[in-house]
Amino acid sequence: MDLSLSLGRESSEQALVLHLFGGPYVTVAGERRDVPEGGKRLLALLALRRERVERRFTAGLLWPFGDDQRAAGNLRSALWRLRALGLDLVMTDKVSLRLREDMVVDAQVAADWAYRLIDGTARQDDLALGSWFGQALDLLPGWYDDWAILERERLRQRVLHALEGLSRQLCAARRYAEGVEAAMVAVGADPIRESAQRALIEAHLAEGNLGEARRAFAIYRELIHRELSTEPSARLADLLPQVCRR
């Protein structure tokens, strides 16, 4: 999937996009607007929650050190900085706030793509490799807030499962080279993940490359023996019993 095209399609009527990949920053009709440092964490939190959040909860989550009054002041300052962009990115009332409903968020577009691959409703244009996969697998790098770590791992797991499904669908369509590459992206992100290794071995076998399948299995077996002191599951080994006996 070409994420830029998907963002354009999602925002055809309201060309306002929040980019968390490589950001946060905003584009308006393709024109970049940088988000002030004081508002980035607030904007990212609201984008990942995509629901109305209480002001007191938000302030305490983003500014946990200090008293409630200071946290509330920091929240007001962050909102003021965001309003300075002149885009009304956050909708507020006396007790809560949320991201404006018509804003498109790239991380959500990526998550929706992953859902379609996982549940078997992928569109034809979903069956393509994307340069954005690496960013989706490491959302907001360097952010160590608990909520950011949780959302990073949530999206990472969705995309990994989607890549494994993408590999199988590409191989079913006889697009073997792309199927192998999709599986290798998943393996590269998590080398000890057996389901990713399984997708890679299946892709090699679908293409008829028994030697590559055997090599991938041997590399994985050595890796988890060294890292985890264990062996691949029988389910994985059963993919290529004859090759392994040679």
Protein backbone atom coordinates (compact mmCIF):
# COMPACT_ATOMS: atom_id res chain seq x y z
CA MET A 1 0.00 0.00 0.00
CA ASP A 2 1.20 3.47 -0.88
CA LEU A 3 0.46 5.30 2.36
CA SER A 4 0.65 8.73 0.75
CA LEU A 5 -2.03 7.78 -1.79
CA SER A 6 -4.17 6.26 0.95
CA LEU A 7 -3.85 9.42 3.02
CA GLY A 8 -4.88 11.43 -0.01
CA ARG A 9 -7.91 9.21 -0.57
CA GLU A 10 -8.90 9.32 3.12
CA SER A 11 -8.59 13.09 3.20
CA SER A 12 -10.02 13.95 -0.22
CA GLU A 13 -12.66 16.26 1.27
CA GLN A 14 -10.63 17.60 4.20
CA ALA A 15 -6.94 17.66 3.34
CA LEU A 16 -5.80 17.84 6.95
CA VAL A 17 -3.45 15.03 7.96
CA LEU A 18 -1.58 14.38 11.18
CA HIS A 19 1.66 12.51 10.54
CA LEU A 20 2.98 10.53 13.49
CA PHE A 21 5.47 8.68 11.28
CA GLY A 22 8.52 10.90 11.24
CA GLY A 23 6.60 13.49 13.24
CA PRO A 24 4.36 14.63 14.70
CA TYR A 25 3.63 17.26 12.07
CA VAL A 26 0.58 18.31 10.10
CA THR A 27 -0.03 18.73 6.39
CA VAL A 28 -2.78 20.96 5.00
CA ALA A 29 -3.50 20.25 1.34
CA GLY A 30 -0.01 18.76 1.16
CA GLU A 31 1.69 21.73 2.80
CA ARG A 32 3.67 20.88 5.92
CA ARG A 33 3.02 22.68 9.20
CA ASP A 34 5.40 21.87 12.05
CA VAL A 35 3.83 21.27 15.43
CA PRO A 36 5.30 23.26 18.37
CA GLU A 37 7.36 21.16 20.74
CA GLY A 38 5.05 21.97 23.62
CA GLY A 39 2.07 20.45 21.81
CA LYS A 40 3.51 17.33 20.20
CA ARG A 41 2.89 14.89 23.03
CA LEU A 42 -0.65 16.14 23.56
CA LEU A 43 -1.48 15.86 19.87
CA ALA A 44 0.02 12.37 19.61
CA LEU A 45 -1.86 11.15 22.68
CA LEU A 46 -5.20 12.38 21.36
CA ALA A 47 -4.47 10.94 17.92
CA LEU A 48 -3.74 7.50 19.31
CA ARG A 49 -6.74 7.51 21.66
CA ARG A 50 -9.19 8.84 19.02
CA GLU A 51 -11.80 9.48 21.70
CA ARG A 52 -12.75 12.18 24.14
CA VAL A 53 -10.37 12.30 27.11
CA GLU A 54 -10.83 14.12 30.40
CA ARG A 55 -8.61 17.16 30.81
CA ARG A 56 -7.48 16.19 34.32
CA PHE A 57 -6.56 12.68 33.19
CA THR A 58 -4.65 14.02 30.17
CA ALA A 59 -2.72 16.54 32.24
CA GLY A 60 -1.77 13.94 34.84
CA LEU A 61 -0.72 11.44 32.16
CA LEU A 62 1.46 13.86 30.20
CA TRP A 63 2.88 15.76 33.18
CA PRO A 64 2.99 13.26 36.07
CA PHE A 65 5.64 15.09 38.06
CA GLY A 66 4.34 17.92 40.19
CA ASP A 67 0.91 18.80 41.49
CA ASP A 68 -2.41 18.91 39.61
CA GLN A 69 -2.34 22.67 39.30
CA ARG A 70 1.01 22.65 37.54
CA ALA A 71 -0.09 19.82 35.22
CA ALA A 72 -3.26 21.75 34.33
CA GLY A 73 -1.16 24.82 33.55
CA ASN A 74 1.08 22.77 31.27
CA LEU A 75 -1.99 21.47 29.45
CA ARG A 76 -3.34 25.00 28.92
CA SER A 77 0.06 26.06 27.58
CA ALA A 78 0.15 23.10 25.15
CA LEU A 79 -3.33 23.91 23.88
CA TRP A 80 -2.37 27.56 23.40
CA ARG A 81 0.66 26.54 21.34
CA LEU A 82 -1.47 24.29 19.13
CA ARG A 83 -4.03 27.03 18.58
CA ALA A 84 -1.22 29.24 17.35
CA LEU A 85 -1.17 27.08 14.20
CA GLY A 86 -4.62 28.43 13.37
CA LEU A 87 -6.01 24.98 12.51
CA ASP A 88 -8.23 24.10 15.51
CA LEU A 89 -6.62 20.68 15.83
CA VAL A 90 -8.13 19.95 19.25
CA MET A 91 -11.76 20.27 20.24
CA THR A 92 -12.17 21.24 23.91
CA ASP A 93 -14.76 21.94 26.54
CA LYS A 94 -14.51 22.56 30.28
CA VAL A 95 -13.89 18.93 31.21
CA SER A 96 -12.58 17.09 28.15
CA LEU A 97 -10.79 17.33 24.84
CA ARG A 98 -10.30 15.30 21.69
CA LEU A 99 -8.70 15.46 18.27
CA ARG A 100 -10.94 17.08 15.67
CA GLU A 101 -13.03 14.38 14.02
CA ASP A 102 -12.21 15.18 10.39
CA MET A 103 -8.44 14.87 10.81
CA VAL A 104 -6.75 11.89 9.16
CA VAL A 105 -3.94 10.21 11.12
CA ASP A 106 -1.32 8.16 9.24
CA ALA A 107 -0.93 5.65 12.08
CA GLN A 108 -4.68 4.96 11.98
CA VAL A 109 -4.58 4.49 8.20
CA ALA A 110 -1.76 1.98 8.71
CA ALA A 111 -3.72 0.22 11.47
CA ASP A 112 -6.79 -0.01 9.23
CA TRP A 113 -4.63 -1.53 6.48
CA ALA A 114 -3.33 -4.09 8.95
CA TYR A 115 -6.87 -4.97 10.07
CA ARG A 116 -7.93 -5.63 6.48
CA LEU A 117 -4.97 -7.96 5.92
CA ILE A 118 -5.65 -9.79 9.16
CA ASP A 119 -9.39 -10.30 8.71
CA GLY A 120 -9.21 -11.15 5.00
CA THR A 121 -10.90 -8.04 3.59
CA ALA A 122 -7.84 -6.54 1.91
CA ARG A 123 -8.34 -4.47 -1.21
CA GLN A 124 -6.21 -4.99 -4.28
CA ASP A 125 -4.17 -1.88 -3.57
CA ASP A 126 -3.44 -3.23 -0.07
CA LEU A 127 -1.34 -6.02 -1.60
CA ALA A 128 1.80 -3.98 -2.04
CA LEU A 129 4.98 -3.37 -0.13
CA GLY A 130 5.28 0.02 1.53
CA SER A 131 8.30 2.11 2.42
CA TRP A 132 6.47 3.15 5.60
CA PHE A 133 6.53 -0.32 7.19
CA GLY A 134 9.65 0.46 9.22
CA GLN A 135 8.06 3.57 10.72
CA ALA A 136 4.87 1.68 11.57
CA LEU A 137 6.95 -0.96 13.34
CA ASP A 138 8.66 1.71 15.47
CA LEU A 139 6.07 4.37 16.16
CA LEU A 140 7.37 7.55 17.80
CA PRO A 141 10.89 6.25 18.45
CA GLY A 142 12.59 7.75 21.47
CA TRP A 143 9.29 8.38 23.26
CA TYR A 144 9.32 6.50 26.57
CA ASP A 145 5.99 7.51 28.09
CA ASP A 146 4.08 4.40 29.15
CA TRP A 147 1.15 5.24 26.87
CA ALA A 148 3.48 5.75 23.89
CA ILE A 149 5.24 2.43 24.50
CA LEU A 150 1.88 0.65 24.70
CA GLU A 151 0.59 2.19 21.47
CA ARG A 152 3.92 1.51 19.73
CA GLU A 153 3.70 -2.18 20.62
CA ARG A 154 0.02 -2.36 19.71
CA LEU A 155 0.64 -1.03 16.19
CA ARG A 156 3.80 -3.11 15.85
CA GLN A 157 1.92 -6.35 16.55
CA ARG A 158 -0.85 -5.45 14.11
CA VAL A 159 1.60 -4.67 11.33
CA LEU A 160 3.65 -7.82 11.96
CA HIS A 161 0.54 -9.99 11.71
CA ALA A 162 -0.48 -8.07 8.59
CA LEU A 163 2.92 -8.58 6.95
CA GLU A 164 2.66 -12.32 7.52
CA GLY A 165 -0.80 -12.31 5.94
CA LEU A 166 0.43 -10.08 3.11
CA SER A 167 3.22 -12.55 2.35
CA ARG A 168 0.75 -15.43 2.06
CA GLN A 169 -1.68 -13.48 -0.12
CA LEU A 170 1.11 -12.36 -2.43
CA CYS A 171 2.33 -15.94 -2.79
CA ALA A 172 -1.23 -17.10 -3.49
CA ALA A 173 -1.25 -14.55 -6.31
CA ARG A 174 2.11 -15.97 -7.51
CA ARG A 175 3.91 -12.74 -6.62
CA TYR A 176 6.59 -14.77 -4.90
CA ALA A 177 9.40 -12.22 -4.78
CA GLU A 178 7.14 -9.70 -3.05
CA GLY A 179 5.82 -12.44 -0.75
CA VAL A 180 9.35 -13.31 0.33
CA GLU A 181 10.18 -9.65 0.87
CA ALA A 182 7.08 -9.01 3.00
CA ALA A 183 7.97 -11.96 5.21
CA MET A 184 11.57 -10.77 5.46
CA VAL A 185 10.39 -7.35 6.69
CA ALA A 186 8.56 -9.14 9.51
CA VAL A 187 11.56 -11.36 10.25
CA GLY A 188 13.88 -8.35 10.27
CA ALA A 189 11.65 -6.60 12.80
CA ASP A 190 11.54 -9.62 15.11
CA PRO A 191 13.95 -12.45 14.16
CA ILE A 192 12.84 -14.80 16.95
CA ARG A 193 9.14 -14.49 16.02
CA GLU A 194 8.27 -17.97 14.77
CA SER A 195 5.14 -16.94 12.87
CA ALA A 196 7.24 -14.53 10.80
CA GLN A 197 9.82 -17.23 10.13
CA ARG A 198 7.01 -19.58 9.15
CA ALA A 199 5.69 -17.06 6.62
CA LEU A 200 9.19 -16.73 5.15
CA ILE A 201 9.72 -20.49 4.87
CA GLU A 202 6.27 -20.91 3.32
CA ALA A 203 7.06 -18.21 0.77
CA HIS A 204 10.31 -19.94 -0.22
CA LEU A 205 8.49 -23.26 -0.54
CA ALA A 206 5.69 -21.70 -2.60
CA GLU A 207 8.32 -20.44 -5.03
CA GLY A 208 9.94 -23.89 -5.13
CA ASN A 209 13.15 -22.80 -3.44
CA LEU A 210 13.70 -25.73 -1.08
CA GLY A 211 17.31 -24.74 -0.45
CA GLU A 212 16.29 -21.24 0.66
CA ALA A 213 13.60 -22.71 2.89
CA ARG A 214 16.11 -25.06 4.50
CA ARG A 215 18.60 -22.23 4.94
CA ALA A 216 15.99 -19.99 6.59
CA PHE A 217 15.03 -22.82 8.94
CA ALA A 218 18.66 -23.54 9.85
CA ILE A 219 19.36 -19.86 10.58
CA TYR A 220 16.29 -19.62 12.78
CA ARG A 221 17.09 -22.85 14.61
CA GLU A 222 20.59 -21.64 15.39
CA LEU A 223 19.27 -18.24 16.49
CA ILE A 224 16.70 -19.46 19.01
CA HIS A 225 19.05 -22.15 20.29
CA ARG A 226 21.56 -19.41 21.04
CA GLU A 227 19.08 -16.83 22.33
CA LEU A 228 16.42 -18.99 24.01
CA SER A 229 18.10 -22.40 24.44
CA THR A 230 15.23 -24.08 22.64
CA GLU A 231 14.29 -25.62 19.29
CA PRO A 232 11.76 -24.58 16.64
CA SER A 233 8.29 -26.00 17.16
CA ALA A 234 7.34 -29.28 15.53
CA ARG A 235 4.73 -27.35 13.55
CA LEU A 236 7.46 -25.27 11.93
CA ALA A 237 9.79 -28.23 11.39
CA ASP A 238 6.97 -30.18 9.71
CA LEU A 239 6.93 -27.64 6.89
CA LEU A 240 10.03 -29.22 5.38
CA PRO A 241 10.70 -32.65 6.88
CA GLN A 242 12.30 -34.16 3.79
CA VAL A 243 14.64 -31.22 3.30
CA CYS A 244 15.73 -31.35 6.94
CA ARG A 245 16.48 -35.07 6.78
CA ARG A 246 18.92 -34.67 3.91
